[in-house]
C-alpha atoms as a PDB file:
ATOM      1  CA  MET A   1      38.974  12.833-107.035  1.00  0.00           C
ATOM      2  CA  SER A   2      36.117  13.197-104.632  1.00  0.00           C
ATOM      3  CA  SER A   3      36.771  14.791-101.276  1.00  0.00           C
ATOM      4  CA  ASP A   4      35.104  12.887 -99.284  1.00  0.00           C
ATOM      5  CA  ARG A   5      37.991  10.194 -98.596  1.00  0.00           C
ATOM      6  CA  ALA A   6      37.935   8.082 -95.696  1.00  0.00           C
ATOM      7  CA  ARG A   7      41.096   9.086 -93.044  1.00  0.00           C
ATOM      8  CA  GLY A   8      44.111   7.036 -92.842  1.00  0.00           C
ATOM      9  CA  ALA A   9      44.404   5.703 -89.887  1.00  0.00           C
ATOM     10  CA  GLY A  10      47.150   7.533 -87.234  1.00  0.00           C
ATOM     11  CA  THR A  11      49.958   6.601 -85.787  1.00  0.00           C
ATOM     12  CA  PHE A  12      48.541   5.721 -82.651  1.00  0.00           C
ATOM     13  CA  GLU A  13      45.445   3.878 -84.195  1.00  0.00           C
ATOM     14  CA  VAL A  14      48.272   1.472 -86.073  1.00  0.00           C
ATOM     15  CA  TRP A  15      50.406   0.799 -83.155  1.00  0.00           C
ATOM     16  CA  ALA A  16      46.882  -0.083 -81.153  1.00  0.00           C
ATOM     17  CA  ALA A  17      45.689  -2.441 -83.875  1.00  0.00           C
ATOM     18  CA  ARG A  18      49.404  -3.850 -83.891  1.00  0.00           C
ATOM     19  CA  ALA A  19      49.279  -4.163 -80.057  1.00  0.00           C
ATOM     20  CA  TRP A  20      45.502  -5.844 -80.256  1.00  0.00           C
ATOM     21  CA  ASN A  21      46.791  -8.768 -82.969  1.00  0.00           C
ATOM     22  CA  VAL A  22      49.715  -9.432 -80.606  1.00  0.00           C
ATOM     23  CA  PHE A  23      47.727  -9.608 -77.606  1.00  0.00           C
ATOM     24  CA  ASN A  24      44.230 -10.039 -78.227  1.00  0.00           C
ATOM     25  CA  GLU A  25      43.095 -12.516 -81.263  1.00  0.00           C
ATOM     26  CA  GLY A  26      43.469 -15.722 -81.045  1.00  0.00           C
ATOM     27  CA  ARG A  27      46.687 -17.715 -80.737  1.00  0.00           C
ATOM     28  CA  PRO A  28      49.058 -14.804 -80.516  1.00  0.00           C
ATOM     29  CA  PHE A  29      47.482 -13.299 -77.088  1.00  0.00           C
ATOM     30  CA  SER A  30      47.552 -17.026 -75.801  1.00  0.00           C
ATOM     31  CA  ILE A  31      51.359 -17.187 -76.625  1.00  0.00           C
ATOM     32  CA  VAL A  32      52.333 -13.700 -75.869  1.00  0.00           C
ATOM     33  CA  PHE A  33      50.628 -12.979 -72.549  1.00  0.00           C
ATOM     34  CA  PRO A  34      51.853 -15.803 -69.779  1.00  0.00           C
ATOM     35  CA  ALA A  35      54.857 -14.437 -70.421  1.00  0.00           C
ATOM     36  CA  MET A  36      54.084 -11.042 -70.079  1.00  0.00           C
ATOM     37  CA  VAL A  37      52.750 -11.357 -66.694  1.00  0.00           C
ATOM     38  CA  LEU A  38      55.199 -12.899 -65.333  1.00  0.00           C
ATOM     39  CA  LEU A  39      57.613 -10.382 -66.633  1.00  0.00           C
ATOM     40  CA  CYS A  40      55.312  -7.606 -65.441  1.00  0.00           C
ATOM     41  CA  ALA A  41      54.841  -9.474 -62.072  1.00  0.00           C
ATOM     42  CA  ALA A  42      58.397  -9.930 -61.313  1.00  0.00           C
ATOM     43  CA  PRO A  43      59.039  -6.089 -60.533  1.00  0.00           C
ATOM     44  CA  LEU A  44      56.224  -5.827 -58.389  1.00  0.00           C
ATOM     45  CA  GLY A  45      56.971  -8.549 -56.213  1.00  0.00           C
ATOM     46  CA  LEU A  46      53.702 -10.322 -56.999  1.00  0.00           C
ATOM     47  CA  ALA A  47      55.707 -13.331 -58.979  1.00  0.00           C
ATOM     48  CA  PRO A  48      55.331 -16.786 -57.545  1.00  0.00           C
ATOM     49  CA  GLU A  49      57.777 -18.768 -55.619  1.00  0.00           C
ATOM     50  CA  GLY A  50      60.775 -20.534 -57.352  1.00  0.00           C
ATOM     51  CA  SER A  51      62.705 -19.532 -60.556  1.00  0.00           C
ATOM     52  CA  LEU A  52      61.174 -16.953 -62.767  1.00  0.00           C
ATOM     53  CA  GLY A  53      63.418 -18.545 -65.453  1.00  0.00           C
ATOM     54  CA  LEU A  54      61.708 -21.647 -65.055  1.00  0.00           C
ATOM     55  CA  ALA A  55      58.262 -20.161 -64.964  1.00  0.00           C
ATOM     56  CA  LEU A  56      59.149 -18.549 -68.539  1.00  0.00           C
ATOM     57  CA  LEU A  57      60.513 -21.740 -69.884  1.00  0.00           C
ATOM     58  CA  GLY A  58      57.162 -23.197 -69.010  1.00  0.00           C
ATOM     59  CA  SER A  59      55.235 -20.637 -70.546  1.00  0.00           C
ATOM     60  CA  LEU A  60      57.333 -20.906 -73.665  1.00  0.00           C
ATOM     61  CA  ALA A  61      56.532 -24.249 -73.389  1.00  0.00           C
ATOM     62  CA  LEU A  62      52.720 -23.224 -73.419  1.00  0.00           C
ATOM     63  CA  ALA A  63      53.428 -20.906 -76.151  1.00  0.00           C
ATOM     64  CA  VAL A  64      54.565 -23.759 -78.558  1.00  0.00           C
ATOM     65  CA  VAL A  65      51.750 -26.175 -77.828  1.00  0.00           C
ATOM     66  CA  LEU A  66      49.516 -23.286 -77.955  1.00  0.00           C
ATOM     67  CA  SER A  67      50.813 -22.164 -81.367  1.00  0.00           C
ATOM     68  CA  ARG A  68      50.224 -25.010 -82.882  1.00  0.00           C
ATOM     69  CA  PHE A  69      46.252 -25.487 -82.812  1.00  0.00           C
ATOM     70  CA  SER A  70      44.043 -23.319 -84.030  1.00  0.00           C
ATOM     71  CA  PHE A  71      41.246 -22.401 -81.795  1.00  0.00           C
ATOM     72  CA  PRO A  72      37.840 -21.706 -82.765  1.00  0.00           C
ATOM     73  CA  LEU A  73      35.477 -19.103 -83.173  1.00  0.00           C
ATOM     74  CA  ARG A  74      33.088 -18.701 -80.107  1.00  0.00           C
ATOM     75  CA  GLY A  75      34.857 -20.895 -78.265  1.00  0.00           C
ATOM     76  CA  ARG A  76      35.832 -19.117 -75.615  1.00  0.00           C
ATOM     77  CA  GLY A  77      33.724 -21.195 -73.020  1.00  0.00           C
ATOM     78  CA  LEU A  78      36.222 -23.918 -73.085  1.00  0.00           C
ATOM     79  CA  LEU A  79      38.675 -21.525 -72.159  1.00  0.00           C
ATOM     80  CA  TRP A  80      36.893 -20.771 -69.264  1.00  0.00           C
ATOM     81  CA  LEU A  81      36.007 -24.522 -68.374  1.00  0.00           C
ATOM     82  CA  ALA A  82      39.866 -25.487 -68.686  1.00  0.00           C
ATOM     83  CA  ALA A  83      40.654 -22.276 -66.192  1.00  0.00           C
ATOM     84  CA  ALA A  84      38.209 -23.543 -63.732  1.00  0.00           C
ATOM     85  CA  ALA A  85      39.747 -27.306 -64.093  1.00  0.00           C
ATOM     86  CA  SER A  86      43.317 -25.654 -63.557  1.00  0.00           C
ATOM     87  CA  VAL A  87      42.876 -24.166 -60.633  1.00  0.00           C
ATOM     88  CA  PRO A  88      43.887 -27.248 -58.125  1.00  0.00           C
ATOM     89  CA  LEU A  89      46.781 -27.545 -60.305  1.00  0.00           C
ATOM     90  CA  LEU A  90      47.227 -23.697 -60.561  1.00  0.00           C
ATOM     91  CA  GLU A  91      46.967 -22.921 -56.554  1.00  0.00           C
ATOM     92  CA  PRO A  92      46.206 -19.703 -57.736  1.00  0.00           C
ATOM     93  CA  TRP A  93      45.341 -18.680 -53.466  1.00  0.00           C
ATOM     94  CA  ARG A  94      48.901 -19.046 -53.051  1.00  0.00           C
ATOM     95  CA  VAL A  95      49.590 -15.800 -55.179  1.00  0.00           C
ATOM     96  CA  PRO A  96      46.319 -14.188 -55.302  1.00  0.00           C
ATOM     97  CA  GLY A  97      47.889 -10.709 -56.731  1.00  0.00           C
ATOM     98  CA  LEU A  98      49.367 -12.379 -59.834  1.00  0.00           C
ATOM     99  CA  LEU A  99      45.854 -13.746 -60.976  1.00  0.00           C
ATOM    100  CA  LEU A 100      43.286 -10.673 -60.016  1.00  0.00           C
ATOM    101  CA  GLY A 101      46.519  -8.351 -61.945  1.00  0.00           C
ATOM    102  CA  ALA A 102      46.622 -11.046 -64.883  1.00  0.00           C
ATOM    103  CA  PHE A 103      42.600 -10.883 -64.937  1.00  0.00           C
ATOM    104  CA  ALA A 104      42.587  -7.080 -64.360  1.00  0.00           C
ATOM    105  CA  GLY A 105      45.306  -6.252 -67.244  1.00  0.00           C
ATOM    106  CA  TYR A 106      43.574  -8.563 -69.630  1.00  0.00           C
ATOM    107  CA  VAL A 107      40.115  -6.904 -68.459  1.00  0.00           C
ATOM    108  CA  PHE A 108      41.603  -3.585 -68.824  1.00  0.00           C
ATOM    109  CA  PHE A 109      43.268  -3.822 -72.444  1.00  0.00           C
ATOM    110  CA  THR A 110      40.292  -5.978 -73.849  1.00  0.00           C
ATOM    111  CA  VAL A 111      36.793  -4.022 -72.852  1.00  0.00           C
ATOM    112  CA  PHE A 112      38.414  -0.542 -71.650  1.00  0.00           C
ATOM    113  CA  PHE A 113      41.343   0.385 -73.833  1.00  0.00           C
ATOM    114  CA  TRP A 114      39.960  -1.430 -77.324  1.00  0.00           C
ATOM    115  CA  GLY A 115      36.501  -1.373 -76.540  1.00  0.00           C
ATOM    116  CA  SER A 116      36.189   2.014 -75.549  1.00  0.00           C
ATOM    117  CA  LEU A 117      38.686   3.888 -76.295  1.00  0.00           C
ATOM    118  CA  TYR A 118      40.250   2.390 -79.495  1.00  0.00           C
ATOM    119  CA  TYR A 119      36.532   2.268 -80.783  1.00  0.00           C
ATOM    120  CA  HIS A 120      35.447   5.755 -79.779  1.00  0.00           C
ATOM    121  CA  LEU A 121      38.374   6.910 -82.002  1.00  0.00           C
ATOM    122  CA  ARG A 122      38.191   4.821 -84.755  1.00  0.00           C
ATOM    123  CA  THR A 123      34.704   4.505 -85.551  1.00  0.00           C
ATOM    124  CA  GLY A 124      33.326   7.096 -83.078  1.00  0.00           C
ATOM    125  CA  ALA A 125      31.403   4.382 -80.315  1.00  0.00           C
ATOM    126  CA  PRO A 126      30.268   5.572 -77.614  1.00  0.00           C
ATOM    127  CA  TRP A 127      32.297   6.113 -74.354  1.00  0.00           C
ATOM    128  CA  THR A 128      29.788   3.627 -73.101  1.00  0.00           C
ATOM    129  CA  ASN A 129      30.734   1.373 -75.352  1.00  0.00           C
ATOM    130  CA  PHE A 130      32.252  -1.638 -73.192  1.00  0.00           C
ATOM    131  CA  ARG A 131      28.730  -1.898 -71.404  1.00  0.00           C
ATOM    132  CA  ARG A 132      28.418  -4.426 -74.615  1.00  0.00           C
ATOM    133  CA  PHE A 133      31.627  -5.039 -75.576  1.00  0.00           C
ATOM    134  CA  TRP A 134      32.420  -7.307 -72.701  1.00  0.00           C
ATOM    135  CA  ARG A 135      29.499  -9.752 -73.303  1.00  0.00           C
ATOM    136  CA  LEU A 136      31.706 -10.091 -77.200  1.00  0.00           C
ATOM    137  CA  VAL A 137      34.955 -10.515 -75.103  1.00  0.00           C
ATOM    138  CA  ALA A 138      33.001 -12.989 -73.174  1.00  0.00           C
ATOM    139  CA  THR A 139      31.547 -15.398 -75.932  1.00  0.00           C
ATOM    140  CA  ASN A 140      34.207 -14.556 -79.127  1.00  0.00           C
ATOM    141  CA  SER A 141      37.900 -15.400 -79.130  1.00  0.00           C
ATOM    142  CA  ASP A 142      37.715 -13.033 -81.252  1.00  0.00           C
ATOM    143  CA  PRO A 143      35.475  -9.682 -79.794  1.00  0.00           C
ATOM    144  CA  THR A 144      35.698  -7.998 -83.457  1.00  0.00           C
ATOM    145  CA  SER A 145      34.008 -10.869 -84.978  1.00  0.00           C
ATOM    146  CA  GLY A 146      30.567  -9.697 -83.339  1.00  0.00           C
ATOM    147  CA  ASN A 147      31.536  -6.166 -83.266  1.00  0.00           C
END
């Protein structure tokens, strides 16, 4: 047996990978993120007016629809187009803190936590990996596919 074995993933790496799988790879992220944002926003007073239960029910309905259809690799541009088209319907100017918080949470987890911290710990990538990684996030539905 060789002493040059690859080291196994530590507890932190296992849980970080599981979080990545849920929050950022295709359908699972799309299903979890809207409900997660609402549940985080409500205690902070950032949730929109109206029933939180009704909003969670709406995000659950969206999750059911999104879970039925696969989203193509490199199709994220279509998601940005859909987000722009939904602006009049969602009226984000009524609750800007909610949108900014949701976007900031997504960027932090995807670009900084995953693109810098995780890759630095796992592969030894430089701490500045986020400067390259954000472009992968913007163009791929799975940023690791181009990494």
